[in-house]
Amino acid sequence: MPDKPKKILIVEDNPSLMKAEIFALKNAGYKVDTATDGKMAMEQIAINEYGLILLDLVMPNKTGFEVLQSLKEIENTIPIIVFSNMLEEISREEALKLGAREYVVKSTISLDEMVEKVRKYVGTPPAP
């Protein structure tokens, strides 16, 4: 029997966007935790097991780049999708160099497409 998909950590400081992401993922059957800044994300990662992290880059206390760097230093194996509105190619290259599996520009993707990207990494949640 395959392992159940693990929880997803959404790291996002925009309350309305976080609410939409939570709704879409929970509606698709996923369990979700949240963090509103990079410091809180690192605290969550230290005490929980995640199948995927959706990570914004521009946040207070600790940026997404700093989170990626910290996770790289501890040889993180959790897949990370950077979910940002930073359009600069240099940001994309830096995030991928620091260990992100994908870099998605939020404004160019629907919530359904986001759920499909999540499914690619953690599979389909079991039926309730």
C-alpha atoms as a PDB file:
ATOM      1  CA  MET A   1       0.000   0.000   0.000  1.00  0.00           C
ATOM      2  CA  PRO A   2       1.511   3.394  -0.954  1.00  0.00           C
ATOM      3  CA  ASP A   3       2.219   5.988   1.707  1.00  0.00           C
ATOM      4  CA  LYS A   4      -0.442   8.608   2.242  1.00  0.00           C
ATOM      5  CA  PRO A   5       0.516  11.987   0.817  1.00  0.00           C
ATOM      6  CA  LYS A   6       2.070  14.158   3.474  1.00  0.00           C
ATOM      7  CA  LYS A   7       0.938  17.626   4.453  1.00  0.00           C
ATOM      8  CA  ILE A   8       1.744  20.631   2.333  1.00  0.00           C
ATOM      9  CA  LEU A   9       3.270  23.748   3.857  1.00  0.00           C
ATOM     10  CA  ILE A  10       2.159  27.019   2.270  1.00  0.00           C
ATOM     11  CA  VAL A  11       4.539  29.875   3.048  1.00  0.00           C
ATOM     12  CA  GLU A  12       2.783  33.066   2.003  1.00  0.00           C
ATOM     13  CA  ASP A  13       2.397  36.515   3.561  1.00  0.00           C
ATOM     14  CA  ASN A  14      -0.556  37.652   1.416  1.00  0.00           C
ATOM     15  CA  PRO A  15      -3.673  36.666   3.423  1.00  0.00           C
ATOM     16  CA  SER A  16      -6.104  36.586   0.483  1.00  0.00           C
ATOM     17  CA  LEU A  17      -3.769  34.529  -1.695  1.00  0.00           C
ATOM     18  CA  MET A  18      -3.045  32.144   1.182  1.00  0.00           C
ATOM     19  CA  LYS A  19      -6.777  31.710   1.777  1.00  0.00           C
ATOM     20  CA  ALA A  20      -7.316  30.845  -1.906  1.00  0.00           C
ATOM     21  CA  GLU A  21      -4.407  28.364  -1.914  1.00  0.00           C
ATOM     22  CA  ILE A  22      -5.672  26.697   1.273  1.00  0.00           C
ATOM     23  CA  PHE A  23      -9.180  26.430  -0.175  1.00  0.00           C
ATOM     24  CA  ALA A  24      -7.948  24.904  -3.459  1.00  0.00           C
ATOM     25  CA  LEU A  25      -5.660  22.366  -1.785  1.00  0.00           C
ATOM     26  CA  LYS A  26      -8.110  21.343   0.938  1.00  0.00           C
ATOM     27  CA  ASN A  27     -10.863  21.073  -1.677  1.00  0.00           C
ATOM     28  CA  ALA A  28      -8.561  18.681  -3.571  1.00  0.00           C
ATOM     29  CA  GLY A  29      -8.195  16.596  -0.385  1.00  0.00           C
ATOM     30  CA  TYR A  30      -4.799  17.740   0.883  1.00  0.00           C
ATOM     31  CA  LYS A  31      -3.853  18.545   4.464  1.00  0.00           C
ATOM     32  CA  VAL A  32      -2.281  21.978   4.712  1.00  0.00           C
ATOM     33  CA  ASP A  33      -0.209  23.916   7.225  1.00  0.00           C
ATOM     34  CA  THR A  34       0.673  27.566   6.795  1.00  0.00           C
ATOM     35  CA  ALA A  35       3.381  30.045   7.664  1.00  0.00           C
ATOM     36  CA  THR A  36       3.244  33.780   7.039  1.00  0.00           C
ATOM     37  CA  ASP A  37       6.985  34.382   6.998  1.00  0.00           C
ATOM     38  CA  GLY A  38      10.248  32.532   6.542  1.00  0.00           C
ATOM     39  CA  LYS A  39      11.067  32.304  10.246  1.00  0.00           C
ATOM     40  CA  MET A  40       7.713  30.680  10.972  1.00  0.00           C
ATOM     41  CA  ALA A  41       8.234  28.330   8.001  1.00  0.00           C
ATOM     42  CA  MET A  42      11.553  27.086   9.395  1.00  0.00           C
ATOM     43  CA  GLU A  43       9.916  26.492  12.779  1.00  0.00           C
ATOM     44  CA  GLN A  44       7.127  24.474  11.120  1.00  0.00           C
ATOM     45  CA  ILE A  45       9.605  22.445   9.039  1.00  0.00           C
ATOM     46  CA  ALA A  46      11.582  21.561  12.176  1.00  0.00           C
ATOM     47  CA  ILE A  47       8.583  19.964  13.906  1.00  0.00           C
ATOM     48  CA  ASN A  48       6.423  18.593  11.060  1.00  0.00           C
ATOM     49  CA  GLU A  49       6.794  16.230   8.142  1.00  0.00           C
ATOM     50  CA  TYR A  50       5.872  17.721   4.777  1.00  0.00           C
ATOM     51  CA  GLY A  51       5.506  16.247   1.333  1.00  0.00           C
ATOM     52  CA  LEU A  52       5.862  19.634  -0.353  1.00  0.00           C
ATOM     53  CA  ILE A  53       6.516  23.284   0.395  1.00  0.00           C
ATOM     54  CA  LEU A  54       4.910  26.096  -1.622  1.00  0.00           C
ATOM     55  CA  LEU A  55       7.237  29.007  -0.934  1.00  0.00           C
ATOM     56  CA  ASP A  56       6.836  32.715  -1.600  1.00  0.00           C
ATOM     57  CA  LEU A  57      10.071  34.697  -1.926  1.00  0.00           C
ATOM     58  CA  VAL A  58       9.204  38.175  -0.662  1.00  0.00           C
ATOM     59  CA  MET A  59       8.228  37.890   2.999  1.00  0.00           C
ATOM     60  CA  PRO A  60       9.046  39.480   6.345  1.00  0.00           C
ATOM     61  CA  ASN A  61      11.511  38.131   8.940  1.00  0.00           C
ATOM     62  CA  LYS A  62      13.206  35.680   6.576  1.00  0.00           C
ATOM     63  CA  THR A  63      12.841  35.781   2.793  1.00  0.00           C
ATOM     64  CA  GLY A  64      12.122  32.762   0.644  1.00  0.00           C
ATOM     65  CA  PHE A  65      15.715  32.915  -0.596  1.00  0.00           C
ATOM     66  CA  GLU A  66      16.920  32.716   3.016  1.00  0.00           C
ATOM     67  CA  VAL A  67      14.594  29.773   3.658  1.00  0.00           C
ATOM     68  CA  LEU A  68      15.964  28.006   0.568  1.00  0.00           C
ATOM     69  CA  GLN A  69      19.542  28.673   1.724  1.00  0.00           C
ATOM     70  CA  SER A  70      18.813  27.361   5.235  1.00  0.00           C
ATOM     71  CA  LEU A  71      17.172  24.233   3.835  1.00  0.00           C
ATOM     72  CA  LYS A  72      20.061  23.660   1.446  1.00  0.00           C
ATOM     73  CA  GLU A  73      22.499  23.830   4.372  1.00  0.00           C
ATOM     74  CA  ILE A  74      20.634  21.071   6.200  1.00  0.00           C
ATOM     75  CA  GLU A  75      20.386  18.977   3.009  1.00  0.00           C
ATOM     76  CA  ASN A  76      16.604  19.256   2.779  1.00  0.00           C
ATOM     77  CA  THR A  77      14.839  16.584   0.728  1.00  0.00           C
ATOM     78  CA  ILE A  78      11.330  18.099   0.775  1.00  0.00           C
ATOM     79  CA  PRO A  79      10.356  19.230  -2.726  1.00  0.00           C
ATOM     80  CA  ILE A  80       9.903  22.991  -2.921  1.00  0.00           C
ATOM     81  CA  ILE A  81       7.903  24.913  -5.483  1.00  0.00           C
ATOM     82  CA  VAL A  82       8.652  28.615  -5.407  1.00  0.00           C
ATOM     83  CA  PHE A  83       5.349  30.394  -5.915  1.00  0.00           C
ATOM     84  CA  SER A  84       6.235  34.048  -6.439  1.00  0.00           C
ATOM     85  CA  ASN A  85       5.424  37.113  -8.514  1.00  0.00           C
ATOM     86  CA  MET A  86       9.084  37.990  -8.987  1.00  0.00           C
ATOM     87  CA  LEU A  87       9.434  37.955 -12.754  1.00  0.00           C
ATOM     88  CA  GLU A  88      13.200  38.460 -13.014  1.00  0.00           C
ATOM     89  CA  GLU A  89      15.060  35.522 -14.549  1.00  0.00           C
ATOM     90  CA  ILE A  90      17.854  36.018 -12.001  1.00  0.00           C
ATOM     91  CA  SER A  91      15.372  35.280  -9.177  1.00  0.00           C
ATOM     92  CA  ARG A  92      14.281  32.088 -10.911  1.00  0.00           C
ATOM     93  CA  GLU A  93      17.876  30.978 -11.465  1.00  0.00           C
ATOM     94  CA  GLU A  94      18.835  31.705  -7.856  1.00  0.00           C
ATOM     95  CA  ALA A  95      15.818  29.835  -6.444  1.00  0.00           C
ATOM     96  CA  LEU A  96      16.532  26.779  -8.589  1.00  0.00           C
ATOM     97  CA  LYS A  97      20.222  26.913  -7.678  1.00  0.00           C
ATOM     98  CA  LEU A  98      19.240  26.919  -3.992  1.00  0.00           C
ATOM     99  CA  GLY A  99      17.180  23.760  -4.397  1.00  0.00           C
ATOM    100  CA  ALA A 100      13.679  24.691  -5.570  1.00  0.00           C
ATOM    101  CA  ARG A 101      12.281  22.064  -7.928  1.00  0.00           C
ATOM    102  CA  GLU A 102      10.118  24.562  -9.807  1.00  0.00           C
ATOM    103  CA  TYR A 103       9.608  28.300 -10.023  1.00  0.00           C
ATOM    104  CA  VAL A 104       6.061  29.420 -10.755  1.00  0.00           C
ATOM    105  CA  VAL A 105       4.914  32.998 -11.282  1.00  0.00           C
ATOM    106  CA  LYS A 106       1.693  33.272  -9.255  1.00  0.00           C
ATOM    107  CA  SER A 107      -0.025  35.663 -11.626  1.00  0.00           C
ATOM    108  CA  THR A 108       0.354  33.247 -14.559  1.00  0.00           C
ATOM    109  CA  ILE A 109      -1.141  30.110 -13.005  1.00  0.00           C
ATOM    110  CA  SER A 110      -4.649  29.155 -11.938  1.00  0.00           C
ATOM    111  CA  LEU A 111      -5.418  27.466  -8.650  1.00  0.00           C
ATOM    112  CA  ASP A 112      -6.329  24.301 -10.577  1.00  0.00           C
ATOM    113  CA  GLU A 113      -2.887  24.359 -12.224  1.00  0.00           C
ATOM    114  CA  MET A 114      -1.287  24.860  -8.805  1.00  0.00           C
ATOM    115  CA  VAL A 115      -3.129  21.770  -7.533  1.00  0.00           C
ATOM    116  CA  GLU A 116      -1.849  19.792 -10.546  1.00  0.00           C
ATOM    117  CA  LYS A 117       1.727  20.838  -9.734  1.00  0.00           C
ATOM    118  CA  VAL A 118       1.218  19.714  -6.127  1.00  0.00           C
ATOM    119  CA  ARG A 119      -0.193  16.387  -7.342  1.00  0.00           C
ATOM    120  CA  LYS A 120       2.960  15.876  -9.423  1.00  0.00           C
ATOM    121  CA  TYR A 121       5.053  15.817  -6.219  1.00  0.00           C
ATOM    122  CA  VAL A 122       2.800  14.287  -3.578  1.00  0.00           C
ATOM    123  CA  GLY A 123       0.287  12.286  -5.567  1.00  0.00           C
ATOM    124  CA  THR A 124      -3.457  12.246  -5.175  1.00  0.00           C
ATOM    125  CA  PRO A 125      -4.781  12.260  -1.632  1.00  0.00           C
ATOM    126  CA  PRO A 126      -6.742   9.185  -0.546  1.00  0.00           C
ATOM    127  CA  ALA A 127     -10.525   9.377  -0.711  1.00  0.00           C
ATOM    128  CA  PRO A 128     -12.062  10.343   2.645  1.00  0.00           C
END
